[in-house]
Amino acid sequence: MQQQQQQQQPYIDLLIDALLDEGFTVDEAQKLIRLQEEYERRLATEETNYHRFIRWLVEHGRISDWY
């Protein structure tokens, strides 16, 4: 996880710079970035749950995997 954060740091720095240019404070920029990361994590979880549900439907004969 820490290695991933280190790899993303240049990207995060660029985002902060862009947000500063738009008039946000550093604290506000960091909060916006965390909010975006949380949104993306939740979206990925929702997609995973959706795929699990579809797989369950197929496995239990509720729908066919052949359309």
N, C-alpha and C. Protein backbone atom coordinates (compact mmCIF):
# COMPACT_ATOMS: atom_id res chain seq x y z
N MET A 1 0.83 -1.19 0.00
CA MET A 1 0.00 0.00 0.00
C MET A 1 0.87 1.25 0.00
N GLN A 2 1.91 1.25 0.83
CA GLN A 2 2.79 2.41 0.89
C GLN A 2 3.52 2.61 -0.44
N GLN A 3 3.92 1.52 -1.08
CA GLN A 3 4.59 1.63 -2.37
C GLN A 3 3.65 2.25 -3.40
N GLN A 4 2.38 1.85 -3.36
CA GLN A 4 1.40 2.41 -4.29
C GLN A 4 1.25 3.91 -4.05
N GLN A 5 1.23 4.33 -2.78
CA GLN A 5 1.12 5.75 -2.47
C GLN A 5 2.34 6.51 -2.98
N GLN A 6 3.52 5.91 -2.85
CA GLN A 6 4.74 6.56 -3.33
C GLN A 6 4.71 6.72 -4.85
N GLN A 7 4.17 5.72 -5.54
CA GLN A 7 4.08 5.79 -6.99
C GLN A 7 3.07 6.85 -7.43
N GLN A 8 2.03 7.04 -6.63
CA GLN A 8 0.99 8.00 -6.98
C GLN A 8 1.33 9.42 -6.53
N GLN A 9 2.36 9.59 -5.71
CA GLN A 9 2.66 10.90 -5.16
C GLN A 9 2.87 11.98 -6.22
N PRO A 10 3.63 11.72 -7.29
CA PRO A 10 3.75 12.77 -8.32
C PRO A 10 2.40 13.17 -8.92
N TYR A 11 1.51 12.20 -9.11
CA TYR A 11 0.18 12.48 -9.63
C TYR A 11 -0.61 13.32 -8.63
N ILE A 12 -0.53 12.96 -7.36
CA ILE A 12 -1.24 13.71 -6.32
C ILE A 12 -0.70 15.13 -6.23
N ASP A 13 0.61 15.27 -6.32
CA ASP A 13 1.21 16.61 -6.30
C ASP A 13 0.70 17.47 -7.45
N LEU A 14 0.57 16.86 -8.63
CA LEU A 14 0.03 17.60 -9.78
C LEU A 14 -1.43 18.00 -9.55
N LEU A 15 -2.20 17.09 -8.96
CA LEU A 15 -3.59 17.41 -8.66
C LEU A 15 -3.68 18.57 -7.68
N ILE A 16 -2.86 18.53 -6.64
CA ILE A 16 -2.86 19.61 -5.65
C ILE A 16 -2.49 20.92 -6.32
N ASP A 17 -1.46 20.91 -7.15
CA ASP A 17 -1.05 22.13 -7.86
C ASP A 17 -2.19 22.68 -8.71
N ALA A 18 -2.88 21.79 -9.42
CA ALA A 18 -3.99 22.22 -10.27
C ALA A 18 -5.12 22.82 -9.43
N LEU A 19 -5.40 22.19 -8.29
CA LEU A 19 -6.46 22.71 -7.42
C LEU A 19 -6.06 24.03 -6.78
N LEU A 20 -4.78 24.16 -6.44
CA LEU A 20 -4.29 25.44 -5.91
C LEU A 20 -4.46 26.54 -6.95
N ASP A 21 -4.18 26.22 -8.20
CA ASP A 21 -4.34 27.19 -9.29
C ASP A 21 -5.80 27.63 -9.43
N GLU A 22 -6.73 26.75 -9.04
CA GLU A 22 -8.15 27.07 -9.12
C GLU A 22 -8.67 27.79 -7.88
N GLY A 23 -7.77 28.02 -6.90
CA GLY A 23 -8.16 28.80 -5.73
C GLY A 23 -8.42 28.01 -4.47
N PHE A 24 -8.24 26.69 -4.51
CA PHE A 24 -8.42 25.88 -3.31
C PHE A 24 -7.18 26.00 -2.42
N THR A 25 -7.37 25.80 -1.12
CA THR A 25 -6.23 25.73 -0.21
C THR A 25 -5.64 24.33 -0.28
N VAL A 26 -4.45 24.15 0.29
CA VAL A 26 -3.83 22.82 0.30
C VAL A 26 -4.72 21.84 1.05
N ASP A 27 -5.27 22.27 2.19
CA ASP A 27 -6.15 21.39 2.97
C ASP A 27 -7.39 20.99 2.18
N GLU A 28 -8.00 21.95 1.51
CA GLU A 28 -9.18 21.65 0.68
C GLU A 28 -8.82 20.71 -0.46
N ALA A 29 -7.68 20.93 -1.08
CA ALA A 29 -7.24 20.06 -2.18
C ALA A 29 -7.04 18.63 -1.69
N GLN A 30 -6.40 18.48 -0.54
CA GLN A 30 -6.18 17.14 0.01
C GLN A 30 -7.50 16.46 0.34
N LYS A 31 -8.46 17.21 0.88
CA LYS A 31 -9.78 16.65 1.19
C LYS A 31 -10.50 16.21 -0.08
N LEU A 32 -10.41 17.02 -1.13
CA LEU A 32 -11.04 16.65 -2.40
C LEU A 32 -10.43 15.38 -2.98
N ILE A 33 -9.11 15.26 -2.88
CA ILE A 33 -8.44 14.07 -3.39
C ILE A 33 -8.86 12.84 -2.60
N ARG A 34 -8.93 12.96 -1.27
CA ARG A 34 -9.39 11.83 -0.45
C ARG A 34 -10.83 11.47 -0.78
N LEU A 35 -11.67 12.47 -1.01
CA LEU A 35 -13.06 12.22 -1.38
C LEU A 35 -13.14 11.47 -2.70
N GLN A 36 -12.33 11.87 -3.67
CA GLN A 36 -12.30 11.18 -4.96
C GLN A 36 -11.84 9.74 -4.80
N GLU A 37 -10.80 9.52 -3.99
CA GLU A 37 -10.29 8.17 -3.78
C GLU A 37 -11.35 7.29 -3.11
N GLU A 38 -12.06 7.85 -2.13
CA GLU A 38 -13.12 7.09 -1.45
C GLU A 38 -14.24 6.75 -2.43
N TYR A 39 -14.63 7.70 -3.26
CA TYR A 39 -15.66 7.46 -4.26
C TYR A 39 -15.25 6.34 -5.20
N GLU A 40 -14.02 6.38 -5.69
CA GLU A 40 -13.54 5.34 -6.61
C GLU A 40 -13.48 3.98 -5.93
N ARG A 41 -13.09 3.96 -4.65
CA ARG A 41 -13.03 2.69 -3.92
C ARG A 41 -14.44 2.11 -3.74
N ARG A 42 -15.40 2.97 -3.41
CA ARG A 42 -16.78 2.51 -3.26
C ARG A 42 -17.35 2.02 -4.59
N LEU A 43 -17.05 2.73 -5.65
CA LEU A 43 -17.52 2.33 -6.97
C LEU A 43 -16.97 0.95 -7.34
N ALA A 44 -15.70 0.72 -7.06
CA ALA A 44 -15.09 -0.58 -7.35
C ALA A 44 -15.76 -1.67 -6.53
N THR A 45 -16.09 -1.37 -5.27
CA THR A 45 -16.77 -2.34 -4.42
C THR A 45 -18.16 -2.64 -4.95
N GLU A 46 -18.88 -1.61 -5.37
CA GLU A 46 -20.21 -1.82 -5.93
C GLU A 46 -20.15 -2.69 -7.17
N GLU A 47 -19.19 -2.44 -8.04
CA GLU A 47 -19.05 -3.26 -9.24
C GLU A 47 -18.73 -4.70 -8.87
N THR A 48 -17.89 -4.89 -7.88
CA THR A 48 -17.55 -6.24 -7.44
C THR A 48 -18.79 -6.94 -6.90
N ASN A 49 -19.57 -6.25 -6.07
CA ASN A 49 -20.79 -6.85 -5.54
C ASN A 49 -21.77 -7.16 -6.66
N TYR A 50 -21.86 -6.28 -7.64
CA TYR A 50 -22.73 -6.51 -8.79
C TYR A 50 -22.31 -7.77 -9.52
N HIS A 51 -21.02 -7.93 -9.77
CA HIS A 51 -20.53 -9.10 -10.49
C HIS A 51 -20.75 -10.38 -9.68
N ARG A 52 -20.58 -10.31 -8.37
CA ARG A 52 -20.87 -11.48 -7.52
C ARG A 52 -22.34 -11.87 -7.63
N PHE A 53 -23.21 -10.86 -7.61
CA PHE A 53 -24.64 -11.14 -7.70
C PHE A 53 -24.99 -11.76 -9.04
N ILE A 54 -24.45 -11.25 -10.12
CA ILE A 54 -24.72 -11.81 -11.45
C ILE A 54 -24.21 -13.25 -11.52
N ARG A 55 -23.01 -13.49 -10.99
CA ARG A 55 -22.46 -14.85 -10.99
C ARG A 55 -23.38 -15.79 -10.21
N TRP A 56 -23.90 -15.32 -9.06
CA TRP A 56 -24.81 -16.14 -8.26
C TRP A 56 -26.06 -16.46 -9.07
N LEU A 57 -26.61 -15.46 -9.78
CA LEU A 57 -27.80 -15.69 -10.59
C LEU A 57 -27.54 -16.76 -11.65
N VAL A 58 -26.38 -16.70 -12.30
CA VAL A 58 -26.04 -17.68 -13.33
C VAL A 58 -25.86 -19.05 -12.70
N GLU A 59 -25.12 -19.13 -11.59
CA GLU A 59 -24.85 -20.41 -10.94
C GLU A 59 -26.12 -21.08 -10.43
N HIS A 60 -27.12 -20.30 -10.07
CA HIS A 60 -28.36 -20.87 -9.54
C HIS A 60 -29.47 -20.95 -10.59
N GLY A 61 -29.09 -20.78 -11.85
CA GLY A 61 -30.04 -20.96 -12.93
C GLY A 61 -31.09 -19.88 -13.05
N ARG A 62 -30.88 -18.75 -12.40
CA ARG A 62 -31.86 -17.66 -12.47
C ARG A 62 -31.78 -16.93 -13.80
N ILE A 63 -30.57 -16.84 -14.35
CA ILE A 63 -30.38 -16.30 -15.68
C ILE A 63 -29.34 -17.16 -16.39
N SER A 64 -29.32 -17.07 -17.69
CA SER A 64 -28.36 -17.84 -18.48
C SER A 64 -27.16 -16.97 -18.79
N ASP A 65 -25.98 -17.60 -18.83
CA ASP A 65 -24.81 -16.84 -19.24
C ASP A 65 -24.71 -16.76 -20.75
N TRP A 66 -25.66 -17.38 -21.45
CA TRP A 66 -25.75 -17.29 -22.92
C TRP A 66 -26.96 -16.44 -23.24
N TYR A 67 -26.74 -15.30 -23.78
CA TYR A 67 -27.87 -14.39 -24.06
C TYR A 67 -28.55 -14.81 -25.28
